[in-house]
PDB file of N, CA and C in Angstrom:
ATOM      1  N   MET A   1       6.853  11.816  -5.471  1.00  0.00           N
ATOM      2  CA  MET A   1       6.176  10.668  -6.031  1.00  0.00           C
ATOM      3  C   MET A   1       4.763  10.557  -5.448  1.00  0.00           C
ATOM      4  N   GLN A   2       3.833  10.165  -6.261  1.00  0.00           N
ATOM      5  CA  GLN A   2       2.442   9.998  -5.842  1.00  0.00           C
ATOM      6  C   GLN A   2       2.263   8.599  -5.245  1.00  0.00           C
ATOM      7  N   ILE A   3       1.854   8.540  -3.984  1.00  0.00           N
ATOM      8  CA  ILE A   3       1.651   7.286  -3.266  1.00  0.00           C
ATOM      9  C   ILE A   3       0.203   7.199  -2.822  1.00  0.00           C
ATOM     10  N   LEU A   4      -0.392   6.013  -2.962  1.00  0.00           N
ATOM     11  CA  LEU A   4      -1.720   5.748  -2.417  1.00  0.00           C
ATOM     12  C   LEU A   4      -1.538   4.881  -1.189  1.00  0.00           C
ATOM     13  N   LEU A   5      -2.052   5.354  -0.059  1.00  0.00           N
ATOM     14  CA  LEU A   5      -1.932   4.679   1.226  1.00  0.00           C
ATOM     15  C   LEU A   5      -3.315   4.257   1.682  1.00  0.00           C
ATOM     16  N   ALA A   6      -3.519   2.949   1.866  1.00  0.00           N
ATOM     17  CA  ALA A   6      -4.818   2.416   2.273  1.00  0.00           C
ATOM     18  C   ALA A   6      -4.685   1.646   3.576  1.00  0.00           C
ATOM     19  N   ASP A   7      -5.416   2.101   4.597  1.00  0.00           N
ATOM     20  CA  ASP A   7      -5.413   1.439   5.901  1.00  0.00           C
ATOM     21  C   ASP A   7      -6.668   1.863   6.637  1.00  0.00           C
ATOM     22  N   ASP A   8      -7.333   0.926   7.290  1.00  0.00           N
ATOM     23  CA  ASP A   8      -8.562   1.256   8.005  1.00  0.00           C
ATOM     24  C   ASP A   8      -8.300   1.782   9.408  1.00  0.00           C
ATOM     25  N   ASP A   9      -7.049   1.760   9.849  1.00  0.00           N
ATOM     26  CA  ASP A   9      -6.695   2.309  11.154  1.00  0.00           C
ATOM     27  C   ASP A   9      -6.304   3.776  10.974  1.00  0.00           C
ATOM     28  N   THR A  10      -7.141   4.671  11.480  1.00  0.00           N
ATOM     29  CA  THR A  10      -6.948   6.103  11.271  1.00  0.00           C
ATOM     30  C   THR A  10      -5.618   6.601  11.814  1.00  0.00           C
ATOM     31  N   ALA A  11      -5.213   6.106  12.974  1.00  0.00           N
ATOM     32  CA  ALA A  11      -3.954   6.560  13.566  1.00  0.00           C
ATOM     33  C   ALA A  11      -2.768   6.172  12.682  1.00  0.00           C
ATOM     34  N   THR A  12      -2.753   4.936  12.198  1.00  0.00           N
ATOM     35  CA  THR A  12      -1.682   4.486  11.309  1.00  0.00           C
ATOM     36  C   THR A  12      -1.697   5.279  10.020  1.00  0.00           C
ATOM     37  N   LEU A  13      -2.886   5.474   9.467  1.00  0.00           N
ATOM     38  CA  LEU A  13      -3.047   6.208   8.219  1.00  0.00           C
ATOM     39  C   LEU A  13      -2.477   7.622   8.338  1.00  0.00           C
ATOM     40  N   ASN A  14      -2.854   8.325   9.387  1.00  0.00           N
ATOM     41  CA  ASN A  14      -2.390   9.706   9.581  1.00  0.00           C
ATOM     42  C   ASN A  14      -0.889   9.778   9.847  1.00  0.00           C
ATOM     43  N   PHE A  15      -0.390   8.853  10.675  1.00  0.00           N
ATOM     44  CA  PHE A  15       1.033   8.838  11.003  1.00  0.00           C
ATOM     45  C   PHE A  15       1.877   8.610   9.746  1.00  0.00           C
ATOM     46  N   LEU A  16       1.525   7.584   8.968  1.00  0.00           N
ATOM     47  CA  LEU A  16       2.305   7.274   7.774  1.00  0.00           C
ATOM     48  C   LEU A  16       2.160   8.359   6.706  1.00  0.00           C
ATOM     49  N   LYS A  17       0.971   8.917   6.581  1.00  0.00           N
ATOM     50  CA  LYS A  17       0.769  10.001   5.615  1.00  0.00           C
ATOM     51  C   LYS A  17       1.704  11.167   5.917  1.00  0.00           C
ATOM     52  N   HIS A  18       1.730  11.599   7.167  1.00  0.00           N
ATOM     53  CA  HIS A  18       2.572  12.742   7.533  1.00  0.00           C
ATOM     54  C   HIS A  18       4.059  12.420   7.384  1.00  0.00           C
ATOM     55  N   ALA A  19       4.451  11.205   7.739  1.00  0.00           N
ATOM     56  CA  ALA A  19       5.854  10.821   7.607  1.00  0.00           C
ATOM     57  C   ALA A  19       6.279  10.805   6.140  1.00  0.00           C
ATOM     58  N   LEU A  20       5.451  10.214   5.275  1.00  0.00           N
ATOM     59  CA  LEU A  20       5.784  10.136   3.851  1.00  0.00           C
ATOM     60  C   LEU A  20       5.742  11.510   3.182  1.00  0.00           C
ATOM     61  N   GLN A  21       4.801  12.347   3.602  1.00  0.00           N
ATOM     62  CA  GLN A  21       4.776  13.713   3.077  1.00  0.00           C
ATOM     63  C   GLN A  21       6.030  14.468   3.511  1.00  0.00           C
ATOM     64  N   GLY A  22       6.477  14.212   4.727  1.00  0.00           N
ATOM     65  CA  GLY A  22       7.708  14.833   5.214  1.00  0.00           C
ATOM     66  C   GLY A  22       8.927  14.413   4.420  1.00  0.00           C
ATOM     67  N   ASP A  23       8.836  13.242   3.783  1.00  0.00           N
ATOM     68  CA  ASP A  23       9.920  12.756   2.929  1.00  0.00           C
ATOM     69  C   ASP A  23       9.794  13.275   1.495  1.00  0.00           C
ATOM     70  N   GLY A  24       8.789  14.117   1.248  1.00  0.00           N
ATOM     71  CA  GLY A  24       8.636  14.729  -0.063  1.00  0.00           C
ATOM     72  C   GLY A  24       7.668  14.042  -1.003  1.00  0.00           C
ATOM     73  N   HIS A  25       6.926  13.052  -0.525  1.00  0.00           N
ATOM     74  CA  HIS A  25       5.970  12.333  -1.367  1.00  0.00           C
ATOM     75  C   HIS A  25       4.593  12.995  -1.317  1.00  0.00           C
ATOM     76  N   ASP A  26       3.871  12.863  -2.401  1.00  0.00           N
ATOM     77  CA  ASP A  26       2.478  13.299  -2.468  1.00  0.00           C
ATOM     78  C   ASP A  26       1.641  12.075  -2.107  1.00  0.00           C
ATOM     79  N   VAL A  27       0.896  12.138  -0.998  1.00  0.00           N
ATOM     80  CA  VAL A  27       0.208  10.961  -0.467  1.00  0.00           C
ATOM     81  C   VAL A  27      -1.304  11.160  -0.491  1.00  0.00           C
ATOM     82  N   SER A  28      -1.986  10.225  -1.142  1.00  0.00           N
ATOM     83  CA  SER A  28      -3.448  10.148  -1.091  1.00  0.00           C
ATOM     84  C   SER A  28      -3.795   9.008  -0.155  1.00  0.00           C
ATOM     85  N   VAL A  29      -4.911   9.143   0.569  1.00  0.00           N
ATOM     86  CA  VAL A  29      -5.275   8.113   1.533  1.00  0.00           C
ATOM     87  C   VAL A  29      -6.656   7.541   1.239  1.00  0.00           C
ATOM     88  N   ALA A  30      -6.826   6.296   1.686  1.00  0.00           N
ATOM     89  CA  ALA A  30      -8.107   5.605   1.577  1.00  0.00           C
ATOM     90  C   ALA A  30      -8.283   4.778   2.846  1.00  0.00           C
ATOM     91  N   GLU A  31      -9.487   4.836   3.426  1.00  0.00           N
ATOM     92  CA  GLU A  31      -9.725   4.124   4.671  1.00  0.00           C
ATOM     93  C   GLU A  31     -10.258   2.709   4.466  1.00  0.00           C
ATOM     94  N   ASP A  32     -10.398   2.276   3.228  1.00  0.00           N
ATOM     95  CA  ASP A  32     -10.722   0.879   2.943  1.00  0.00           C
ATOM     96  C   ASP A  32     -10.329   0.547   1.512  1.00  0.00           C
ATOM     97  N   GLY A  33     -10.351  -0.730   1.204  1.00  0.00           N
ATOM     98  CA  GLY A  33      -9.896  -1.187  -0.103  1.00  0.00           C
ATOM     99  C   GLY A  33     -10.755  -0.719  -1.254  1.00  0.00           C
ATOM    100  N   ASN A  34     -12.065  -0.596  -1.037  1.00  0.00           N
ATOM    101  CA  ASN A  34     -12.952  -0.145  -2.113  1.00  0.00           C
ATOM    102  C   ASN A  34     -12.658   1.290  -2.518  1.00  0.00           C
ATOM    103  N   VAL A  35     -12.441   2.152  -1.537  1.00  0.00           N
ATOM    104  CA  VAL A  35     -12.102   3.547  -1.824  1.00  0.00           C
ATOM    105  C   VAL A  35     -10.747   3.621  -2.527  1.00  0.00           C
ATOM    106  N   ALA A  36      -9.806   2.791  -2.090  1.00  0.00           N
ATOM    107  CA  ALA A  36      -8.495   2.773  -2.727  1.00  0.00           C
ATOM    108  C   ALA A  36      -8.604   2.349  -4.192  1.00  0.00           C
ATOM    109  N   LEU A  37      -9.416   1.339  -4.464  1.00  0.00           N
ATOM    110  CA  LEU A  37      -9.590   0.888  -5.841  1.00  0.00           C
ATOM    111  C   LEU A  37     -10.219   1.984  -6.703  1.00  0.00           C
ATOM    112  N   GLU A  38     -11.180   2.715  -6.135  1.00  0.00           N
ATOM    113  CA  GLU A  38     -11.782   3.840  -6.862  1.00  0.00           C
ATOM    114  C   GLU A  38     -10.729   4.882  -7.212  1.00  0.00           C
ATOM    115  N   GLN A  39      -9.840   5.174  -6.270  1.00  0.00           N
ATOM    116  CA  GLN A  39      -8.792   6.163  -6.521  1.00  0.00           C
ATOM    117  C   GLN A  39      -7.801   5.664  -7.567  1.00  0.00           C
ATOM    118  N   LEU A  40      -7.468   4.380  -7.514  1.00  0.00           N
ATOM    119  CA  LEU A  40      -6.528   3.809  -8.482  1.00  0.00           C
ATOM    120  C   LEU A  40      -7.069   3.832  -9.901  1.00  0.00           C
ATOM    121  N   THR A  41      -8.397   3.674 -10.029  1.00  0.00           N
ATOM    122  CA  THR A  41      -9.004   3.596 -11.361  1.00  0.00           C
ATOM    123  C   THR A  41      -9.593   4.925 -11.829  1.00  0.00           C
ATOM    124  N   ALA A  42      -9.441   5.965 -11.036  1.00  0.00           N
ATOM    125  CA  ALA A  42      -9.969   7.283 -11.425  1.00  0.00           C
ATOM    126  C   ALA A  42      -9.238   7.784 -12.664  1.00  0.00           C
ATOM    127  N   PRO A  43      -9.951   8.482 -13.529  1.00  0.00           N
ATOM    128  CA  PRO A  43      -9.300   9.037 -14.722  1.00  0.00           C
ATOM    129  C   PRO A  43      -8.118   9.927 -14.336  1.00  0.00           C
ATOM    130  N   GLY A  44      -7.000   9.704 -14.980  1.00  0.00           N
ATOM    131  CA  GLY A  44      -5.812  10.503 -14.723  1.00  0.00           C
ATOM    132  C   GLY A  44      -4.975  10.062 -13.537  1.00  0.00           C
ATOM    133  N   ALA A  45      -5.385   9.008 -12.832  1.00  0.00           N
ATOM    134  CA  ALA A  45      -4.631   8.541 -11.668  1.00  0.00           C
ATOM    135  C   ALA A  45      -3.277   7.992 -12.109  1.00  0.00           C
ATOM    136  N   THR A  46      -2.220   8.447 -11.447  1.00  0.00           N
ATOM    137  CA  THR A  46      -0.862   7.999 -11.777  1.00  0.00           C
ATOM    138  C   THR A  46      -0.076   7.759 -10.492  1.00  0.00           C
ATOM    139  N   PHE A  47      -0.401   6.708  -9.813  1.00  0.00           N
ATOM    140  CA  PHE A  47       0.287   6.394  -8.561  1.00  0.00           C
ATOM    141  C   PHE A  47       1.572   5.625  -8.846  1.00  0.00           C
ATOM    142  N   ALA A  48       2.636   6.024  -8.168  1.00  0.00           N
ATOM    143  CA  ALA A  48       3.926   5.362  -8.329  1.00  0.00           C
ATOM    144  C   ALA A  48       4.073   4.186  -7.376  1.00  0.00           C
ATOM    145  N   LEU A  49       3.238   4.154  -6.316  1.00  0.00           N
ATOM    146  CA  LEU A  49       3.346   3.112  -5.293  1.00  0.00           C
ATOM    147  C   LEU A  49       2.012   2.969  -4.585  1.00  0.00           C
ATOM    148  N   LEU A  50       1.649   1.732  -4.286  1.00  0.00           N
ATOM    149  CA  LEU A  50       0.478   1.430  -3.470  1.00  0.00           C
ATOM    150  C   LEU A  50       0.962   0.824  -2.168  1.00  0.00           C
ATOM    151  N   ILE A  51       0.560   1.425  -1.055  1.00  0.00           N
ATOM    152  CA  ILE A  51       0.836   0.883   0.271  1.00  0.00           C
ATOM    153  C   ILE A  51      -0.516   0.512   0.867  1.00  0.00           C
ATOM    154  N   ALA A  52      -0.684  -0.753   1.247  1.00  0.00           N
ATOM    155  CA  ALA A  52      -1.991  -1.194   1.725  1.00  0.00           C
ATOM    156  C   ALA A  52      -1.866  -2.142   2.906  1.00  0.00           C
ATOM    157  N   ASP A  53      -2.775  -1.962   3.857  1.00  0.00           N
ATOM    158  CA  ASP A  53      -2.918  -2.904   4.946  1.00  0.00           C
ATOM    159  C   ASP A  53      -3.617  -4.140   4.391  1.00  0.00           C
ATOM    160  N   VAL A  54      -3.226  -5.306   4.845  1.00  0.00           N
ATOM    161  CA  VAL A  54      -3.847  -6.536   4.351  1.00  0.00           C
ATOM    162  C   VAL A  54      -5.261  -6.678   4.889  1.00  0.00           C
ATOM    163  N   ASP A  55      -5.449  -6.401   6.169  1.00  0.00           N
ATOM    164  CA  ASP A  55      -6.735  -6.651   6.827  1.00  0.00           C
ATOM    165  C   ASP A  55      -7.563  -5.367   6.877  1.00  0.00           C
ATOM    166  N   MET A  56      -8.419  -5.183   5.849  1.00  0.00           N
ATOM    167  CA  MET A  56      -9.320  -4.027   5.799  1.00  0.00           C
ATOM    168  C   MET A  56     -10.731  -4.532   5.517  1.00  0.00           C
ATOM    169  N   PRO A  57     -11.727  -3.805   5.978  1.00  0.00           N
ATOM    170  CA  PRO A  57     -13.107  -4.212   5.677  1.00  0.00           C
ATOM    171  C   PRO A  57     -13.422  -4.028   4.190  1.00  0.00           C
ATOM    172  N   GLY A  58     -14.389  -4.769   3.738  1.00  0.00           N
ATOM    173  CA  GLY A  58     -14.781  -4.675   2.332  1.00  0.00           C
ATOM    174  C   GLY A  58     -13.787  -5.403   1.454  1.00  0.00           C
ATOM    175  N   LEU A  59     -12.935  -4.664   0.810  1.00  0.00           N
ATOM    176  CA  LEU A  59     -11.919  -5.214  -0.079  1.00  0.00           C
ATOM    177  C   LEU A  59     -10.593  -5.256   0.668  1.00  0.00           C
ATOM    178  N   ASP A  60     -10.086  -6.460   0.956  1.00  0.00           N
ATOM    179  CA  ASP A  60      -8.834  -6.534   1.717  1.00  0.00           C
ATOM    180  C   ASP A  60      -7.644  -6.136   0.844  1.00  0.00           C
ATOM    181  N   GLY A  61      -6.512  -5.909   1.473  1.00  0.00           N
ATOM    182  CA  GLY A  61      -5.342  -5.405   0.775  1.00  0.00           C
ATOM    183  C   GLY A  61      -4.812  -6.325  -0.313  1.00  0.00           C
ATOM    184  N   ILE A  62      -4.875  -7.625  -0.093  1.00  0.00           N
ATOM    185  CA  ILE A  62      -4.370  -8.555  -1.100  1.00  0.00           C
ATOM    186  C   ILE A  62      -5.272  -8.551  -2.326  1.00  0.00           C
ATOM    187  N   THR A  63      -6.583  -8.581  -2.121  1.00  0.00           N
ATOM    188  CA  THR A  63      -7.510  -8.519  -3.250  1.00  0.00           C
ATOM    189  C   THR A  63      -7.369  -7.193  -3.977  1.00  0.00           C
ATOM    190  N   LEU A  64      -7.210  -6.109  -3.225  1.00  0.00           N
ATOM    191  CA  LEU A  64      -6.971  -4.795  -3.832  1.00  0.00           C
ATOM    192  C   LEU A  64      -5.752  -4.847  -4.750  1.00  0.00           C
ATOM    193  N   CYS A  65      -4.671  -5.431  -4.277  1.00  0.00           N
ATOM    194  CA  CYS A  65      -3.444  -5.495  -5.073  1.00  0.00           C
ATOM    195  C   CYS A  65      -3.612  -6.388  -6.295  1.00  0.00           C
ATOM    196  N   GLN A  66      -4.345  -7.476  -6.154  1.00  0.00           N
ATOM    197  CA  GLN A  66      -4.604  -8.348  -7.302  1.00  0.00           C
ATOM    198  C   GLN A  66      -5.390  -7.606  -8.373  1.00  0.00           C
ATOM    199  N   ARG A  67      -6.385  -6.845  -7.949  1.00  0.00           N
ATOM    200  CA  ARG A  67      -7.181  -6.069  -8.917  1.00  0.00           C
ATOM    201  C   ARG A  67      -6.350  -4.948  -9.530  1.00  0.00           C
ATOM    202  N   ALA A  68      -5.531  -4.298  -8.718  1.00  0.00           N
ATOM    203  CA  ALA A  68      -4.689  -3.217  -9.227  1.00  0.00           C
ATOM    204  C   ALA A  68      -3.709  -3.743 -10.265  1.00  0.00           C
ATOM    205  N   ALA A  69      -3.242  -4.962 -10.087  1.00  0.00           N
ATOM    206  CA  ALA A  69      -2.271  -5.542 -11.019  1.00  0.00           C
ATOM    207  C   ALA A  69      -2.859  -5.768 -12.404  1.00  0.00           C
ATOM    208  N   THR A  70      -4.181  -5.811 -12.519  1.00  0.00           N
ATOM    209  CA  THR A  70      -4.793  -6.033 -13.829  1.00  0.00           C
ATOM    210  C   THR A  70      -4.679  -4.805 -14.727  1.00  0.00           C
ATOM    211  N   PHE A  71      -4.516  -3.617 -14.150  1.00  0.00           N
ATOM    212  CA  PHE A  71      -4.396  -2.410 -14.970  1.00  0.00           C
ATOM    213  C   PHE A  71      -3.124  -1.620 -14.684  1.00  0.00           C
ATOM    214  N   ALA A  72      -2.379  -2.006 -13.664  1.00  0.00           N
ATOM    215  CA  ALA A  72      -1.118  -1.331 -13.344  1.00  0.00           C
ATOM    216  C   ALA A  72      -0.106  -2.381 -12.891  1.00  0.00           C
ATOM    217  N   ALA A  73       0.197  -3.301 -13.797  1.00  0.00           N
ATOM    218  CA  ALA A  73       1.023  -4.455 -13.455  1.00  0.00           C
ATOM    219  C   ALA A  73       2.423  -4.091 -12.977  1.00  0.00           C
ATOM    220  N   ASP A  74       2.944  -2.945 -13.399  1.00  0.00           N
ATOM    221  CA  ASP A  74       4.301  -2.571 -13.011  1.00  0.00           C
ATOM    222  C   ASP A  74       4.359  -1.671 -11.775  1.00  0.00           C
ATOM    223  N   MET A  75       3.204  -1.357 -11.188  1.00  0.00           N
ATOM    224  CA  MET A  75       3.195  -0.514  -9.989  1.00  0.00           C
ATOM    225  C   MET A  75       3.672  -1.329  -8.785  1.00  0.00           C
ATOM    226  N   PRO A  76       4.694  -0.857  -8.089  1.00  0.00           N
ATOM    227  CA  PRO A  76       5.152  -1.579  -6.897  1.00  0.00           C
ATOM    228  C   PRO A  76       4.130  -1.485  -5.772  1.00  0.00           C
ATOM    229  N   ILE A  77       4.178  -2.491  -4.897  1.00  0.00           N
ATOM    230  CA  ILE A  77       3.205  -2.621  -3.811  1.00  0.00           C
ATOM    231  C   ILE A  77       3.943  -2.879  -2.510  1.00  0.00           C
ATOM    232  N   LEU A  78       3.497  -2.197  -1.462  1.00  0.00           N
ATOM    233  CA  LEU A  78       3.994  -2.452  -0.113  1.00  0.00           C
ATOM    234  C   LEU A  78       2.796  -2.834   0.737  1.00  0.00           C
ATOM    235  N   LEU A  79       2.792  -4.070   1.224  1.00  0.00           N
ATOM    236  CA  LEU A  79       1.698  -4.554   2.064  1.00  0.00           C
ATOM    237  C   LEU A  79       2.128  -4.579   3.516  1.00  0.00           C
ATOM    238  N   MET A  80       1.168  -4.292   4.402  1.00  0.00           N
ATOM    239  CA  MET A  80       1.421  -4.281   5.839  1.00  0.00           C
ATOM    240  C   MET A  80       0.383  -5.163   6.518  1.00  0.00           C
ATOM    241  N   SER A  81       0.808  -5.859   7.576  1.00  0.00           N
ATOM    242  CA  SER A  81      -0.144  -6.652   8.338  1.00  0.00           C
ATOM    243  C   SER A  81       0.405  -6.919   9.734  1.00  0.00           C
ATOM    244  N   ALA A  82      -0.501  -7.039  10.670  1.00  0.00           N
ATOM    245  CA  ALA A  82      -0.121  -7.419  12.027  1.00  0.00           C
ATOM    246  C   ALA A  82      -0.134  -8.934  12.182  1.00  0.00           C
ATOM    247  N   HIS A  83      -0.533  -9.637  11.136  1.00  0.00           N
ATOM    248  CA  HIS A  83      -0.683 -11.090  11.201  1.00  0.00           C
ATOM    249  C   HIS A  83       0.329 -11.771  10.288  1.00  0.00           C
ATOM    250  N   HIS A  84       1.272 -12.470  10.883  1.00  0.00           N
ATOM    251  CA  HIS A  84       2.327 -13.146  10.136  1.00  0.00           C
ATOM    252  C   HIS A  84       1.751 -14.176   9.170  1.00  0.00           C
ATOM    253  N   ALA A  85       0.627 -14.782   9.494  1.00  0.00           N
ATOM    254  CA  ALA A  85       0.018 -15.798   8.634  1.00  0.00           C
ATOM    255  C   ALA A  85      -0.377 -15.228   7.272  1.00  0.00           C
ATOM    256  N   GLU A  86      -0.595 -13.936   7.185  1.00  0.00           N
ATOM    257  CA  GLU A  86      -0.973 -13.308   5.917  1.00  0.00           C
ATOM    258  C   GLU A  86       0.159 -13.360   4.894  1.00  0.00           C
ATOM    259  N   LEU A  87       1.374 -13.582   5.367  1.00  0.00           N
ATOM    260  CA  LEU A  87       2.518 -13.611   4.462  1.00  0.00           C
ATOM    261  C   LEU A  87       2.351 -14.685   3.387  1.00  0.00           C
ATOM    262  N   GLU A  88       1.758 -15.817   3.728  1.00  0.00           N
ATOM    263  CA  GLU A  88       1.544 -16.873   2.731  1.00  0.00           C
ATOM    264  C   GLU A  88       0.603 -16.414   1.629  1.00  0.00           C
ATOM    265  N   ARG A  89      -0.447 -15.683   1.982  1.00  0.00           N
ATOM    266  CA  ARG A  89      -1.357 -15.146   0.967  1.00  0.00           C
ATOM    267  C   ARG A  89      -0.645 -14.133   0.081  1.00  0.00           C
ATOM    268  N   VAL A  90       0.223 -13.346   0.651  1.00  0.00           N
ATOM    269  CA  VAL A  90       0.952 -12.325  -0.092  1.00  0.00           C
ATOM    270  C   VAL A  90       1.870 -12.978  -1.118  1.00  0.00           C
ATOM    271  N   ASN A  91       2.460 -14.114  -0.775  1.00  0.00           N
ATOM    272  CA  ASN A  91       3.376 -14.785  -1.692  1.00  0.00           C
ATOM    273  C   ASN A  91       2.685 -15.226  -2.975  1.00  0.00           C
ATOM    274  N   GLY A  92       1.359 -15.239  -3.003  1.00  0.00           N
ATOM    275  CA  GLY A  92       0.628 -15.596  -4.203  1.00  0.00           C
ATOM    276  C   GLY A  92       0.432 -14.444  -5.167  1.00  0.00           C
ATOM    277  N   LEU A  93       0.863 -13.249  -4.815  1.00  0.00           N
ATOM    278  CA  LEU A  93       0.715 -12.101  -5.718  1.00  0.00           C
ATOM    279  C   LEU A  93       1.597 -12.274  -6.945  1.00  0.00           C
ATOM    280  N   SER A  94       1.059 -11.899  -8.073  1.00  0.00           N
ATOM    281  CA  SER A  94       1.823 -12.030  -9.312  1.00  0.00           C
ATOM    282  C   SER A  94       2.783 -10.862  -9.527  1.00  0.00           C
ATOM    283  N   ASN A  95       2.561  -9.775  -8.820  1.00  0.00           N
ATOM    284  CA  ASN A  95       3.419  -8.597  -8.980  1.00  0.00           C
ATOM    285  C   ASN A  95       4.804  -8.898  -8.408  1.00  0.00           C
ATOM    286  N   ALA A  96       5.812  -8.780  -9.234  1.00  0.00           N
ATOM    287  CA  ALA A  96       7.174  -9.103  -8.805  1.00  0.00           C
ATOM    288  C   ALA A  96       7.767  -8.030  -7.899  1.00  0.00           C
ATOM    289  N   ARG A  97       7.193  -6.828  -7.915  1.00  0.00           N
ATOM    290  CA  ARG A  97       7.756  -5.727  -7.126  1.00  0.00           C
ATOM    291  C   ARG A  97       6.864  -5.432  -5.931  1.00  0.00           C
ATOM    292  N   TYR A  98       6.949  -6.283  -4.927  1.00  0.00           N
ATOM    293  CA  TYR A  98       6.213  -6.008  -3.703  1.00  0.00           C
ATOM    294  C   TYR A  98       7.064  -6.364  -2.497  1.00  0.00           C
ATOM    295  N   GLU A  99       6.729  -5.733  -1.391  1.00  0.00           N
ATOM    296  CA  GLU A  99       7.362  -6.043  -0.118  1.00  0.00           C
ATOM    297  C   GLU A  99       6.272  -6.155   0.928  1.00  0.00           C
ATOM    298  N   PHE A 100       6.618  -6.775   2.042  1.00  0.00           N
ATOM    299  CA  PHE A 100       5.681  -7.007   3.128  1.00  0.00           C
ATOM    300  C   PHE A 100       6.321  -6.530   4.422  1.00  0.00           C
ATOM    301  N   LEU A 101       5.592  -5.694   5.164  1.00  0.00           N
ATOM    302  CA  LEU A 101       6.055  -5.256   6.484  1.00  0.00           C
ATOM    303  C   LEU A 101       5.111  -5.804   7.540  1.00  0.00           C
ATOM    304  N   LEU A 102       5.686  -6.420   8.559  1.00  0.00           N
ATOM    305  CA  LEU A 102       4.906  -6.957   9.667  1.00  0.00           C
ATOM    306  C   LEU A 102       4.762  -5.863  10.724  1.00  0.00           C
ATOM    307  N   LYS A 103       3.505  -5.554  11.077  1.00  0.00           N
ATOM    308  CA  LYS A 103       3.237  -4.551  12.113  1.00  0.00           C
ATOM    309  C   LYS A 103       3.465  -5.177  13.486  1.00  0.00           C
ATOM    310  N   PRO A 104       3.964  -4.441  14.440  1.00  0.00           N
ATOM    311  CA  PRO A 104       4.445  -3.066  14.326  1.00  0.00           C
ATOM    312  C   PRO A 104       5.834  -3.044  13.679  1.00  0.00           C
ATOM    313  N   PHE A 105       6.089  -2.005  12.928  1.00  0.00           N
ATOM    314  CA  PHE A 105       7.388  -1.854  12.275  1.00  0.00           C
ATOM    315  C   PHE A 105       7.937  -0.479  12.616  1.00  0.00           C
ATOM    316  N   ALA A 106       9.230  -0.339  12.474  1.00  0.00           N
ATOM    317  CA  ALA A 106       9.882   0.949  12.706  1.00  0.00           C
ATOM    318  C   ALA A 106       9.674   1.828  11.477  1.00  0.00           C
ATOM    319  N   LEU A 107       9.509   3.116  11.690  1.00  0.00           N
ATOM    320  CA  LEU A 107       9.327   4.057  10.594  1.00  0.00           C
ATOM    321  C   LEU A 107      10.492   3.977   9.603  1.00  0.00           C
ATOM    322  N   GLU A 108      11.688   3.736  10.116  1.00  0.00           N
ATOM    323  CA  GLU A 108      12.854   3.603   9.237  1.00  0.00           C
ATOM    324  C   GLU A 108      12.685   2.427   8.279  1.00  0.00           C
ATOM    325  N   ASP A 109      12.051   1.337   8.734  1.00  0.00           N
ATOM    326  CA  ASP A 109      11.811   0.180   7.870  1.00  0.00           C
ATOM    327  C   ASP A 109      10.828   0.537   6.757  1.00  0.00           C
ATOM    328  N   MET A 110       9.801   1.304   7.097  1.00  0.00           N
ATOM    329  CA  MET A 110       8.833   1.748   6.093  1.00  0.00           C
ATOM    330  C   MET A 110       9.525   2.639   5.063  1.00  0.00           C
ATOM    331  N   ARG A 111      10.293   3.582   5.545  1.00  0.00           N
ATOM    332  CA  ARG A 111      10.981   4.495   4.628  1.00  0.00           C
ATOM    333  C   ARG A 111      11.946   3.744   3.706  1.00  0.00           C
ATOM    334  N   ALA A 112      12.667   2.783   4.252  1.00  0.00           N
ATOM    335  CA  ALA A 112      13.614   2.002   3.447  1.00  0.00           C
ATOM    336  C   ALA A 112      12.871   1.187   2.384  1.00  0.00           C
ATOM    337  N   ALA A 113      11.745   0.596   2.743  1.00  0.00           N
ATOM    338  CA  ALA A 113      10.957  -0.194   1.783  1.00  0.00           C
ATOM    339  C   ALA A 113      10.409   0.704   0.673  1.00  0.00           C
ATOM    340  N   VAL A 114       9.932   1.881   1.031  1.00  0.00           N
ATOM    341  CA  VAL A 114       9.414   2.824   0.030  1.00  0.00           C
ATOM    342  C   VAL A 114      10.541   3.204  -0.924  1.00  0.00           C
ATOM    343  N   GLN A 115      11.708   3.499  -0.395  1.00  0.00           N
ATOM    344  CA  GLN A 115      12.850   3.883  -1.250  1.00  0.00           C
ATOM    345  C   GLN A 115      13.219   2.763  -2.211  1.00  0.00           C
ATOM    346  N   ARG A 116      13.259   1.528  -1.696  1.00  0.00           N
ATOM    347  CA  ARG A 116      13.613   0.389  -2.556  1.00  0.00           C
ATOM    348  C   ARG A 116      12.587   0.214  -3.676  1.00  0.00           C
ATOM    349  N   LEU A 117      11.315   0.317  -3.330  1.00  0.00           N
ATOM    350  CA  LEU A 117      10.269   0.081  -4.321  1.00  0.00           C
ATOM    351  C   LEU A 117      10.162   1.206  -5.349  1.00  0.00           C
ATOM    352  N   LEU A 118      10.534   2.409  -4.970  1.00  0.00           N
ATOM    353  CA  LEU A 118      10.451   3.530  -5.899  1.00  0.00           C
ATOM    354  C   LEU A 118      11.720   3.726  -6.729  1.00  0.00           C
ATOM    355  N   SER A 119      12.780   3.013  -6.379  1.00  0.00           N
ATOM    356  CA  SER A 119      14.031   3.199  -7.142  1.00  0.00           C
ATOM    357  C   SER A 119      14.118   2.253  -8.312  1.00  0.00           C
TER     358      SER A 119
END
């Protein structure tokens, strides 16, 4: 499955990319929300899942997901944040297929959320 992973933390980005690739997924990465939006709207883009950090420079993860929902309303979303207060903002998303992981999380929790959202 083609997954777009957006996070401004390079260590998290690389760790999750390698873990998801090890699970058989094709993973594209973006180090901020603007780059992720460009990848989502590129001609021929067919992402099955968007995984995004909430707190990124430029375009934050929630705004990214709101914009993505305008052209890919059925694409599931997995949001991550180290700030529990962001959960209230996430609850305002119109996309019915999303989950939220509070950082730090166990890799098993990430894998389980990806499986649920892709099934």
